[in-house]
Amino acid sequence: MVKNEKGFTLVELIVAVTVFTWALLALLGANMLVIQLLGAGDRASTASFYARERMETLRGLSCGVLKDSSETRGDIYDLSWDVEDAYAGSARRVQLLVSYPSLPGATRTDTVESLVLCVR
């Protein structure tokens, strides 16, 4: 007598569920990494916006008013700028630093420099 059984054995079912579970856990781990990287990109974009905004404000000031200072924006973005004489006092070199948390446990600092001409 020949048996014609259809279906899976218990061992095959356990192996299939185990492989599916490992694949699902790998996808969840990759998803967490993508979420962290998207957050870091968003913070970098916001830091760039704050740096550009502050630099435009500094460029609009007269050379006599330009001085070193700092500020905090959005509770996590620390901006500081240094102003130095350049070209025998006919210009000012402005260096702007923006520090912010990028990935968990890491802080990133971006630098923007510009030259402000002094018209007498």
N, C-alpha and C. Protein backbone atom coordinates (compact mmCIF):
# COMPACT_ATOMS: atom_id res chain seq x y z
N MET A 1 0.82 -1.16 0.00
CA MET A 1 0.00 0.00 0.00
C MET A 1 0.89 1.25 0.00
N VAL A 2 0.61 2.17 -0.93
CA VAL A 2 1.40 3.39 -1.07
C VAL A 2 0.62 4.53 -0.45
N LYS A 3 1.30 5.23 0.44
CA LYS A 3 0.65 6.39 1.05
C LYS A 3 0.98 7.63 0.24
N ASN A 4 0.02 8.44 -0.01
CA ASN A 4 0.21 9.70 -0.74
C ASN A 4 -0.12 10.83 0.24
N GLU A 5 0.86 11.17 1.07
CA GLU A 5 0.62 12.20 2.08
C GLU A 5 1.07 13.55 1.54
N LYS A 6 0.24 14.52 1.75
CA LYS A 6 0.58 15.88 1.34
C LYS A 6 0.77 16.72 2.60
N GLY A 7 1.65 17.74 2.51
CA GLY A 7 1.88 18.62 3.64
C GLY A 7 3.32 18.60 4.08
N PHE A 8 3.56 19.22 5.22
CA PHE A 8 4.91 19.35 5.75
C PHE A 8 5.04 18.55 7.03
N THR A 9 6.24 18.11 7.29
CA THR A 9 6.50 17.45 8.57
C THR A 9 6.72 18.53 9.62
N LEU A 10 6.69 18.13 10.87
CA LEU A 10 6.89 19.07 11.97
C LEU A 10 8.29 19.68 11.92
N VAL A 11 9.29 18.92 11.58
CA VAL A 11 10.67 19.41 11.49
C VAL A 11 10.78 20.46 10.39
N GLU A 12 10.17 20.21 9.24
CA GLU A 12 10.22 21.18 8.14
C GLU A 12 9.53 22.49 8.55
N LEU A 13 8.45 22.38 9.26
CA LEU A 13 7.73 23.57 9.72
C LEU A 13 8.56 24.38 10.71
N ILE A 14 9.23 23.72 11.62
CA ILE A 14 10.07 24.42 12.61
C ILE A 14 11.24 25.11 11.91
N VAL A 15 11.87 24.44 10.95
CA VAL A 15 12.98 25.05 10.21
C VAL A 15 12.49 26.26 9.43
N ALA A 16 11.35 26.17 8.78
CA ALA A 16 10.82 27.28 8.00
C ALA A 16 10.49 28.48 8.89
N VAL A 17 9.88 28.24 10.03
CA VAL A 17 9.55 29.33 10.96
C VAL A 17 10.83 29.96 11.51
N THR A 18 11.84 29.17 11.80
CA THR A 18 13.12 29.70 12.30
C THR A 18 13.79 30.59 11.25
N VAL A 19 13.84 30.14 10.02
CA VAL A 19 14.45 30.94 8.94
C VAL A 19 13.66 32.23 8.73
N PHE A 20 12.35 32.15 8.76
CA PHE A 20 11.51 33.34 8.59
C PHE A 20 11.74 34.33 9.73
N THR A 21 11.86 33.82 10.96
CA THR A 21 12.08 34.69 12.12
C THR A 21 13.43 35.40 12.02
N TRP A 22 14.49 34.69 11.63
CA TRP A 22 15.81 35.31 11.48
C TRP A 22 15.78 36.39 10.39
N ALA A 23 15.11 36.12 9.30
CA ALA A 23 15.02 37.11 8.22
C ALA A 23 14.27 38.35 8.69
N LEU A 24 13.20 38.15 9.44
CA LEU A 24 12.42 39.28 9.96
C LEU A 24 13.24 40.11 10.94
N LEU A 25 14.01 39.46 11.80
CA LEU A 25 14.87 40.19 12.74
C LEU A 25 15.96 40.97 12.02
N ALA A 26 16.50 40.41 10.96
CA ALA A 26 17.51 41.13 10.16
C ALA A 26 16.90 42.37 9.53
N LEU A 27 15.69 42.27 9.02
CA LEU A 27 15.03 43.44 8.42
C LEU A 27 14.73 44.50 9.46
N LEU A 28 14.33 44.09 10.65
CA LEU A 28 14.07 45.06 11.72
C LEU A 28 15.35 45.79 12.12
N GLY A 29 16.47 45.06 12.18
CA GLY A 29 17.76 45.68 12.51
C GLY A 29 18.17 46.69 11.45
N ALA A 30 17.97 46.35 10.20
CA ALA A 30 18.30 47.28 9.11
C ALA A 30 17.39 48.50 9.17
N ASN A 31 16.13 48.28 9.53
CA ASN A 31 15.18 49.39 9.64
C ASN A 31 15.60 50.37 10.73
N MET A 32 16.09 49.85 11.85
CA MET A 32 16.55 50.72 12.94
C MET A 32 17.73 51.58 12.48
N LEU A 33 18.65 50.98 11.73
CA LEU A 33 19.80 51.72 11.22
C LEU A 33 19.35 52.82 10.27
N VAL A 34 18.41 52.52 9.40
CA VAL A 34 17.90 53.51 8.46
C VAL A 34 17.24 54.67 9.21
N ILE A 35 16.49 54.37 10.26
CA ILE A 35 15.85 55.43 11.04
C ILE A 35 16.90 56.32 11.70
N GLN A 36 17.97 55.74 12.24
CA GLN A 36 19.04 56.54 12.85
C GLN A 36 19.72 57.42 11.81
N LEU A 37 19.99 56.88 10.64
CA LEU A 37 20.66 57.65 9.59
C LEU A 37 19.77 58.77 9.06
N LEU A 38 18.47 58.52 8.96
CA LEU A 38 17.55 59.58 8.54
C LEU A 38 17.51 60.71 9.57
N GLY A 39 17.52 60.35 10.85
CA GLY A 39 17.56 61.37 11.90
C GLY A 39 18.84 62.18 11.86
N ALA A 40 19.97 61.51 11.62
CA ALA A 40 21.26 62.22 11.53
C ALA A 40 21.27 63.15 10.33
N GLY A 41 20.68 62.73 9.23
CA GLY A 41 20.60 63.59 8.05
C GLY A 41 19.72 64.80 8.29
N ASP A 42 18.63 64.60 9.00
CA ASP A 42 17.74 65.72 9.33
C ASP A 42 18.45 66.73 10.23
N ARG A 43 19.20 66.23 11.23
CA ARG A 43 19.92 67.15 12.12
C ARG A 43 21.02 67.89 11.36
N ALA A 44 21.70 67.22 10.41
CA ALA A 44 22.73 67.88 9.61
C ALA A 44 22.12 68.97 8.74
N SER A 45 20.96 68.70 8.18
CA SER A 45 20.27 69.70 7.35
C SER A 45 19.85 70.90 8.19
N THR A 46 19.33 70.66 9.37
CA THR A 46 18.93 71.76 10.26
C THR A 46 20.15 72.57 10.69
N ALA A 47 21.26 71.90 10.99
CA ALA A 47 22.49 72.60 11.38
C ALA A 47 22.98 73.48 10.23
N SER A 48 22.89 72.98 9.02
CA SER A 48 23.29 73.77 7.85
C SER A 48 22.41 75.01 7.70
N PHE A 49 21.13 74.85 7.93
CA PHE A 49 20.21 75.99 7.85
C PHE A 49 20.57 77.05 8.89
N TYR A 50 20.80 76.62 10.14
CA TYR A 50 21.14 77.57 11.20
C TYR A 50 22.47 78.27 10.90
N ALA A 51 23.45 77.54 10.37
CA ALA A 51 24.74 78.14 10.05
C ALA A 51 24.60 79.16 8.93
N ARG A 52 23.85 78.81 7.90
CA ARG A 52 23.64 79.74 6.77
C ARG A 52 22.90 81.00 7.25
N GLU A 53 21.90 80.81 8.08
CA GLU A 53 21.13 81.94 8.59
C GLU A 53 22.01 82.88 9.43
N ARG A 54 22.82 82.30 10.33
CA ARG A 54 23.69 83.12 11.19
C ARG A 54 24.76 83.81 10.37
N MET A 55 25.33 83.12 9.38
CA MET A 55 26.37 83.73 8.55
C MET A 55 25.81 84.90 7.75
N GLU A 56 24.61 84.78 7.24
CA GLU A 56 23.99 85.90 6.52
C GLU A 56 23.78 87.09 7.45
N THR A 57 23.39 86.82 8.68
CA THR A 57 23.23 87.90 9.65
C THR A 57 24.56 88.57 9.93
N LEU A 58 25.62 87.79 10.11
CA LEU A 58 26.94 88.35 10.38
C LEU A 58 27.47 89.15 9.19
N ARG A 59 27.19 88.69 7.98
CA ARG A 59 27.64 89.42 6.79
C ARG A 59 26.97 90.79 6.67
N GLY A 60 25.78 90.91 7.25
CA GLY A 60 25.05 92.17 7.19
C GLY A 60 25.50 93.20 8.22
N LEU A 61 26.35 92.79 9.16
CA LEU A 61 26.81 93.72 10.19
C LEU A 61 28.02 94.51 9.69
N SER A 62 28.19 95.68 10.24
CA SER A 62 29.39 96.46 9.89
C SER A 62 30.60 95.87 10.61
N CYS A 63 31.77 96.14 10.08
CA CYS A 63 32.99 95.55 10.63
C CYS A 63 33.25 95.98 12.07
N GLY A 64 32.82 97.16 12.45
CA GLY A 64 33.03 97.63 13.81
C GLY A 64 32.18 96.87 14.83
N VAL A 65 31.11 96.28 14.38
CA VAL A 65 30.20 95.57 15.28
C VAL A 65 30.51 94.07 15.34
N LEU A 66 31.18 93.55 14.33
CA LEU A 66 31.48 92.12 14.30
C LEU A 66 32.40 91.73 15.45
N LYS A 67 32.00 90.72 16.21
CA LYS A 67 32.83 90.24 17.32
C LYS A 67 32.55 88.77 17.57
N ASP A 68 33.45 88.11 18.30
CA ASP A 68 33.27 86.71 18.65
C ASP A 68 32.05 86.55 19.55
N SER A 69 31.32 85.47 19.35
CA SER A 69 30.16 85.20 20.20
C SER A 69 29.69 83.77 19.97
N SER A 70 28.59 83.41 20.62
CA SER A 70 28.00 82.08 20.44
C SER A 70 26.53 82.12 20.81
N GLU A 71 25.83 81.06 20.40
CA GLU A 71 24.41 80.93 20.74
C GLU A 71 24.02 79.46 20.61
N THR A 72 22.88 79.12 21.20
CA THR A 72 22.31 77.77 21.08
C THR A 72 20.96 77.90 20.40
N ARG A 73 20.75 77.07 19.39
CA ARG A 73 19.48 77.07 18.66
C ARG A 73 18.85 75.69 18.77
N GLY A 74 17.55 75.66 18.92
CA GLY A 74 16.83 74.39 18.95
C GLY A 74 17.28 73.43 20.04
N ASP A 75 17.85 73.92 21.10
CA ASP A 75 18.29 73.14 22.27
C ASP A 75 19.47 72.20 22.03
N ILE A 76 19.82 71.87 20.78
CA ILE A 76 20.91 70.93 20.56
C ILE A 76 21.98 71.46 19.60
N TYR A 77 21.75 72.61 18.99
CA TYR A 77 22.69 73.15 18.01
C TYR A 77 23.47 74.29 18.64
N ASP A 78 24.77 74.08 18.88
CA ASP A 78 25.62 75.11 19.46
C ASP A 78 26.39 75.80 18.34
N LEU A 79 26.16 77.10 18.17
CA LEU A 79 26.85 77.90 17.16
C LEU A 79 27.83 78.82 17.87
N SER A 80 29.04 78.90 17.36
CA SER A 80 30.02 79.86 17.88
C SER A 80 30.80 80.39 16.68
N TRP A 81 31.17 81.67 16.75
CA TRP A 81 31.91 82.26 15.65
C TRP A 81 33.05 83.12 16.16
N ASP A 82 34.13 83.06 15.40
CA ASP A 82 35.34 83.84 15.69
C ASP A 82 35.53 84.83 14.55
N VAL A 83 35.87 86.05 14.92
CA VAL A 83 36.10 87.11 13.93
C VAL A 83 37.55 87.58 14.06
N GLU A 84 38.27 87.60 12.93
CA GLU A 84 39.66 88.04 12.91
C GLU A 84 39.86 89.07 11.80
N ASP A 85 40.79 90.00 12.04
CA ASP A 85 41.15 90.95 10.99
C ASP A 85 41.81 90.22 9.83
N ALA A 86 41.57 90.72 8.64
CA ALA A 86 42.20 90.15 7.45
C ALA A 86 42.52 91.29 6.49
N TYR A 87 43.52 91.09 5.67
CA TYR A 87 43.93 92.07 4.65
C TYR A 87 44.13 93.46 5.26
N ALA A 88 44.95 93.51 6.28
CA ALA A 88 45.35 94.76 6.94
C ALA A 88 44.15 95.57 7.42
N GLY A 89 43.13 94.90 7.92
CA GLY A 89 41.98 95.58 8.47
C GLY A 89 40.91 95.94 7.46
N SER A 90 41.10 95.63 6.19
CA SER A 90 40.09 95.97 5.19
C SER A 90 39.01 94.89 5.07
N ALA A 91 39.16 93.82 5.83
CA ALA A 91 38.17 92.74 5.82
C ALA A 91 38.21 92.00 7.15
N ARG A 92 37.21 91.22 7.39
CA ARG A 92 37.15 90.37 8.58
C ARG A 92 36.91 88.94 8.11
N ARG A 93 37.67 88.01 8.69
CA ARG A 93 37.45 86.59 8.42
C ARG A 93 36.56 86.04 9.53
N VAL A 94 35.43 85.46 9.15
CA VAL A 94 34.48 84.92 10.11
C VAL A 94 34.48 83.40 9.98
N GLN A 95 34.76 82.72 11.09
CA GLN A 95 34.69 81.26 11.12
C GLN A 95 33.56 80.85 12.06
N LEU A 96 32.60 80.13 11.52
CA LEU A 96 31.41 79.72 12.26
C LEU A 96 31.44 78.21 12.46
N LEU A 97 31.31 77.78 13.72
CA LEU A 97 31.29 76.36 14.07
C LEU A 97 29.90 75.99 14.56
N VAL A 98 29.37 74.87 14.05
CA VAL A 98 28.07 74.36 14.50
C VAL A 98 28.30 72.94 15.02
N SER A 99 27.98 72.72 16.30
CA SER A 99 28.11 71.40 16.91
C SER A 99 26.73 70.87 17.26
N TYR A 100 26.52 69.58 16.98
CA TYR A 100 25.23 68.95 17.24
C TYR A 100 25.41 67.44 17.33
N PRO A 101 24.49 66.75 18.02
CA PRO A 101 24.59 65.28 18.08
C PRO A 101 24.20 64.68 16.73
N SER A 102 25.03 63.77 16.23
CA SER A 102 24.70 63.14 14.94
C SER A 102 24.09 61.76 15.20
N LEU A 103 24.90 60.77 15.39
CA LEU A 103 24.41 59.43 15.75
C LEU A 103 24.49 59.29 17.26
N PRO A 104 23.81 58.31 17.83
CA PRO A 104 23.85 58.15 19.30
C PRO A 104 25.29 58.06 19.82
N GLY A 105 25.61 58.92 20.77
CA GLY A 105 26.93 58.92 21.37
C GLY A 105 27.98 59.68 20.59
N ALA A 106 27.61 60.35 19.50
CA ALA A 106 28.58 61.07 18.67
C ALA A 106 28.12 62.50 18.46
N THR A 107 29.10 63.42 18.50
CA THR A 107 28.82 64.82 18.23
C THR A 107 29.58 65.22 16.98
N ARG A 108 28.91 65.96 16.12
CA ARG A 108 29.54 66.41 14.87
C ARG A 108 29.70 67.92 14.92
N THR A 109 30.80 68.42 14.38
CA THR A 109 31.05 69.86 14.28
C THR A 109 31.32 70.21 12.82
N ASP A 110 30.52 71.11 12.28
CA ASP A 110 30.70 71.60 10.92
C ASP A 110 31.24 73.02 10.98
N THR A 111 32.07 73.39 10.01
CA THR A 111 32.70 74.70 9.97
C THR A 111 32.33 75.43 8.68
N VAL A 112 31.99 76.71 8.83
CA VAL A 112 31.71 77.58 7.68
C VAL A 112 32.59 78.81 7.84
N GLU A 113 33.27 79.21 6.77
CA GLU A 113 34.11 80.41 6.81
C GLU A 113 33.68 81.37 5.73
N SER A 114 33.83 82.66 6.04
CA SER A 114 33.50 83.69 5.06
C SER A 114 34.37 84.91 5.31
N LEU A 115 34.52 85.69 4.29
CA LEU A 115 35.27 86.93 4.37
C LEU A 115 34.29 88.08 4.21
N VAL A 116 34.31 89.01 5.17
CA VAL A 116 33.42 90.18 5.15
C VAL A 116 34.28 91.40 4.83
N LEU A 117 33.98 92.05 3.72
CA LEU A 117 34.75 93.24 3.33
C LEU A 117 34.26 94.45 4.11
N CYS A 118 35.21 95.29 4.53
CA CYS A 118 34.88 96.49 5.29
C CYS A 118 34.99 97.69 4.34
N VAL A 119 33.89 98.38 4.18
CA VAL A 119 33.88 99.56 3.31
C VAL A 119 34.01 100.78 4.22
N ARG A 120 35.00 101.64 3.88
CA ARG A 120 35.22 102.84 4.72
C ARG A 120 34.68 104.06 4.06
